[in-house]
Amino acid sequence: MVDLRGTVPANVPAPGLGEYEWRVLVLPPRISRAEARDLLVGHAEYGGWELARVRVLTGGTRQVWLRRRIIRVVRTA
C-alpha cells in the first residue's frame, strides 16, 4: 500500500497546451519506484490519466505531471 500523505495532487490550468486537464503529483523520496509505478498505474487505469513528464528534484523528490483529454459534451435537447 502506498502512503500518500506526502503526495500533493493539484489540477493545474495550462492555457495554450491543448484540451488537456493537468495534475501534478509530488512523490517524496521515501516512496519506492515500485510503489510509484503502482500509484501511476492506478491513475492511468481508473482515472484515464497519462504520463506527460517526470522530474527528479534535489533530494530524490519526484514531480510527476499527468494529463488527460477534456471531453466537451454538447447538449442536444
N, C-alpha and C. Protein backbone atom coordinates (compact mmCIF):
# COMPACT_ATOMS: atom_id res chain seq x y z
N MET A 1 0.85 -1.18 0.00
CA MET A 1 0.00 0.00 0.00
C MET A 1 0.89 1.24 0.00
N VAL A 2 0.55 2.20 -0.81
CA VAL A 2 1.33 3.42 -0.93
C VAL A 2 0.82 4.45 0.07
N ASP A 3 1.74 5.04 0.82
CA ASP A 3 1.38 6.10 1.76
C ASP A 3 1.37 7.41 1.00
N LEU A 4 0.18 8.02 0.84
CA LEU A 4 0.04 9.21 0.01
C LEU A 4 0.06 10.50 0.80
N ARG A 5 0.45 10.46 2.06
CA ARG A 5 0.44 11.69 2.85
C ARG A 5 1.43 12.72 2.32
N GLY A 6 2.46 12.27 1.63
CA GLY A 6 3.42 13.21 1.06
C GLY A 6 3.09 13.62 -0.36
N THR A 7 1.98 13.13 -0.89
CA THR A 7 1.60 13.42 -2.27
C THR A 7 0.68 14.62 -2.30
N VAL A 8 0.99 15.55 -3.18
CA VAL A 8 0.19 16.76 -3.28
C VAL A 8 -0.42 16.83 -4.67
N PRO A 9 -1.65 16.32 -4.86
CA PRO A 9 -2.27 16.46 -6.17
C PRO A 9 -2.86 17.84 -6.35
N ALA A 10 -2.76 18.36 -7.54
CA ALA A 10 -3.34 19.68 -7.83
C ALA A 10 -3.65 19.75 -9.31
N ASN A 11 -4.83 20.22 -9.62
CA ASN A 11 -5.16 20.46 -11.02
C ASN A 11 -4.52 21.76 -11.43
N VAL A 12 -3.78 21.72 -12.51
CA VAL A 12 -3.01 22.88 -12.94
C VAL A 12 -3.58 23.38 -14.26
N PRO A 13 -4.06 24.62 -14.29
CA PRO A 13 -4.52 25.14 -15.58
C PRO A 13 -3.34 25.33 -16.51
N ALA A 14 -3.51 24.94 -17.74
CA ALA A 14 -2.42 25.05 -18.70
C ALA A 14 -2.94 25.66 -19.99
N PRO A 15 -3.12 26.98 -20.02
CA PRO A 15 -3.64 27.61 -21.23
C PRO A 15 -2.66 27.47 -22.38
N GLY A 16 -3.19 27.21 -23.55
CA GLY A 16 -2.35 27.10 -24.72
C GLY A 16 -1.73 25.73 -24.92
N LEU A 17 -2.01 24.78 -24.04
CA LEU A 17 -1.43 23.45 -24.17
C LEU A 17 -2.45 22.43 -24.64
N GLY A 18 -3.48 22.88 -25.33
CA GLY A 18 -4.48 21.96 -25.86
C GLY A 18 -5.61 21.73 -24.89
N GLU A 19 -6.43 20.77 -25.23
CA GLU A 19 -7.61 20.46 -24.43
C GLU A 19 -7.27 19.36 -23.43
N TYR A 20 -6.39 19.66 -22.51
CA TYR A 20 -5.98 18.69 -21.50
C TYR A 20 -6.21 19.24 -20.11
N GLU A 21 -6.52 18.34 -19.20
CA GLU A 21 -6.54 18.64 -17.77
C GLU A 21 -5.23 18.11 -17.22
N TRP A 22 -4.59 18.88 -16.36
CA TRP A 22 -3.27 18.52 -15.85
C TRP A 22 -3.34 18.28 -14.36
N ARG A 23 -2.54 17.34 -13.88
CA ARG A 23 -2.41 17.09 -12.45
C ARG A 23 -0.93 16.87 -12.15
N VAL A 24 -0.47 17.48 -11.09
CA VAL A 24 0.92 17.34 -10.68
C VAL A 24 0.95 16.57 -9.37
N LEU A 25 1.71 15.49 -9.33
CA LEU A 25 1.91 14.72 -8.11
C LEU A 25 3.35 14.91 -7.66
N VAL A 26 3.54 15.18 -6.39
CA VAL A 26 4.87 15.29 -5.83
C VAL A 26 5.09 14.07 -4.94
N LEU A 27 6.02 13.21 -5.34
CA LEU A 27 6.28 11.98 -4.61
C LEU A 27 7.56 12.13 -3.81
N PRO A 28 7.49 11.97 -2.50
CA PRO A 28 8.68 12.12 -1.67
C PRO A 28 9.66 10.96 -1.90
N PRO A 29 10.91 11.13 -1.53
CA PRO A 29 11.92 10.10 -1.80
C PRO A 29 11.67 8.79 -1.07
N ARG A 30 10.87 8.79 -0.02
CA ARG A 30 10.63 7.55 0.73
C ARG A 30 9.74 6.57 -0.04
N ILE A 31 9.06 7.03 -1.10
CA ILE A 31 8.24 6.15 -1.92
C ILE A 31 9.14 5.46 -2.95
N SER A 32 9.11 4.13 -2.95
CA SER A 32 9.98 3.38 -3.85
C SER A 32 9.48 3.49 -5.29
N ARG A 33 10.32 3.05 -6.22
CA ARG A 33 9.92 3.09 -7.64
C ARG A 33 8.74 2.17 -7.90
N ALA A 34 8.71 1.02 -7.23
CA ALA A 34 7.59 0.09 -7.41
C ALA A 34 6.28 0.69 -6.90
N GLU A 35 6.33 1.35 -5.75
CA GLU A 35 5.12 2.00 -5.21
C GLU A 35 4.67 3.15 -6.11
N ALA A 36 5.63 3.90 -6.64
CA ALA A 36 5.29 5.00 -7.55
C ALA A 36 4.65 4.45 -8.82
N ARG A 37 5.19 3.34 -9.33
CA ARG A 37 4.61 2.71 -10.52
C ARG A 37 3.18 2.26 -10.25
N ASP A 38 2.94 1.63 -9.11
CA ASP A 38 1.58 1.18 -8.77
C ASP A 38 0.62 2.36 -8.67
N LEU A 39 1.08 3.45 -8.10
CA LEU A 39 0.26 4.66 -7.99
C LEU A 39 -0.10 5.20 -9.37
N LEU A 40 0.88 5.27 -10.26
CA LEU A 40 0.65 5.80 -11.61
C LEU A 40 -0.21 4.86 -12.45
N VAL A 41 -0.05 3.56 -12.25
CA VAL A 41 -0.90 2.59 -12.97
C VAL A 41 -2.35 2.77 -12.55
N GLY A 42 -2.59 2.99 -11.26
CA GLY A 42 -3.95 3.23 -10.78
C GLY A 42 -4.56 4.48 -11.38
N HIS A 43 -3.78 5.56 -11.45
CA HIS A 43 -4.28 6.79 -12.07
C HIS A 43 -4.58 6.58 -13.55
N ALA A 44 -3.75 5.79 -14.22
CA ALA A 44 -3.95 5.57 -15.66
C ALA A 44 -5.17 4.68 -15.92
N GLU A 45 -5.30 3.59 -15.17
CA GLU A 45 -6.37 2.64 -15.43
C GLU A 45 -7.74 3.16 -15.01
N TYR A 46 -7.80 3.78 -13.85
CA TYR A 46 -9.11 4.15 -13.30
C TYR A 46 -9.46 5.62 -13.49
N GLY A 47 -8.47 6.47 -13.71
CA GLY A 47 -8.75 7.88 -13.87
C GLY A 47 -8.58 8.39 -15.29
N GLY A 48 -8.01 7.57 -16.16
CA GLY A 48 -7.81 7.99 -17.54
C GLY A 48 -6.63 8.93 -17.73
N TRP A 49 -5.72 8.99 -16.77
CA TRP A 49 -4.56 9.88 -16.85
C TRP A 49 -3.45 9.20 -17.63
N GLU A 50 -2.63 10.01 -18.31
CA GLU A 50 -1.44 9.50 -18.98
C GLU A 50 -0.24 10.30 -18.49
N LEU A 51 0.91 9.66 -18.50
CA LEU A 51 2.13 10.27 -18.01
C LEU A 51 2.64 11.27 -19.04
N ALA A 52 2.86 12.50 -18.61
CA ALA A 52 3.37 13.53 -19.51
C ALA A 52 4.83 13.86 -19.22
N ARG A 53 5.21 13.88 -17.94
CA ARG A 53 6.56 14.31 -17.60
C ARG A 53 6.91 13.85 -16.19
N VAL A 54 8.18 13.53 -15.97
CA VAL A 54 8.68 13.21 -14.64
C VAL A 54 9.96 14.00 -14.43
N ARG A 55 10.03 14.70 -13.31
CA ARG A 55 11.25 15.43 -12.94
C ARG A 55 11.73 14.90 -11.60
N VAL A 56 13.01 14.63 -11.50
CA VAL A 56 13.60 14.23 -10.23
C VAL A 56 14.29 15.47 -9.66
N LEU A 57 13.79 15.91 -8.52
CA LEU A 57 14.30 17.12 -7.89
C LEU A 57 15.42 16.77 -6.92
N THR A 58 16.08 17.79 -6.40
CA THR A 58 17.15 17.55 -5.44
C THR A 58 16.58 16.85 -4.21
N GLY A 59 17.33 15.92 -3.69
CA GLY A 59 16.87 15.16 -2.54
C GLY A 59 16.09 13.91 -2.91
N GLY A 60 15.86 13.69 -4.21
CA GLY A 60 15.16 12.49 -4.65
C GLY A 60 13.66 12.62 -4.79
N THR A 61 13.12 13.79 -4.54
CA THR A 61 11.68 14.01 -4.73
C THR A 61 11.35 13.96 -6.21
N ARG A 62 10.26 13.28 -6.55
CA ARG A 62 9.83 13.19 -7.95
C ARG A 62 8.60 14.06 -8.17
N GLN A 63 8.62 14.84 -9.22
CA GLN A 63 7.47 15.65 -9.62
C GLN A 63 6.94 15.02 -10.91
N VAL A 64 5.70 14.50 -10.83
CA VAL A 64 5.11 13.76 -11.94
C VAL A 64 3.95 14.56 -12.50
N TRP A 65 3.97 14.82 -13.80
CA TRP A 65 2.90 15.53 -14.48
C TRP A 65 2.04 14.52 -15.22
N LEU A 66 0.75 14.50 -14.92
CA LEU A 66 -0.20 13.63 -15.60
C LEU A 66 -1.16 14.50 -16.39
N ARG A 67 -1.68 13.97 -17.48
CA ARG A 67 -2.66 14.72 -18.26
C ARG A 67 -3.75 13.78 -18.75
N ARG A 68 -4.92 14.36 -18.98
CA ARG A 68 -6.00 13.62 -19.63
C ARG A 68 -6.79 14.59 -20.47
N ARG A 69 -7.32 14.07 -21.56
CA ARG A 69 -8.04 14.90 -22.52
C ARG A 69 -9.38 15.31 -21.92
N ILE A 70 -9.73 16.58 -22.09
CA ILE A 70 -11.03 17.09 -21.67
C ILE A 70 -12.01 16.81 -22.80
N ILE A 71 -13.08 16.12 -22.46
CA ILE A 71 -14.09 15.78 -23.46
C ILE A 71 -15.26 16.74 -23.29
N ARG A 72 -15.47 17.56 -24.29
CA ARG A 72 -16.56 18.53 -24.28
C ARG A 72 -17.83 17.85 -24.80
N VAL A 73 -18.91 17.99 -24.05
CA VAL A 73 -20.18 17.39 -24.44
C VAL A 73 -21.15 18.52 -24.76
N VAL A 74 -21.75 18.46 -25.94
CA VAL A 74 -22.71 19.46 -26.36
C VAL A 74 -24.10 18.95 -26.05
N ARG A 75 -24.87 19.77 -25.38
CA ARG A 75 -26.23 19.39 -25.03
C ARG A 75 -27.10 19.37 -26.28
N THR A 76 -27.88 18.30 -26.46
CA THR A 76 -28.67 18.14 -27.67
C THR A 76 -30.14 18.48 -27.47
N ALA A 77 -30.61 18.53 -26.25
CA ALA A 77 -32.05 18.79 -26.04
C ALA A 77 -32.30 20.17 -25.51
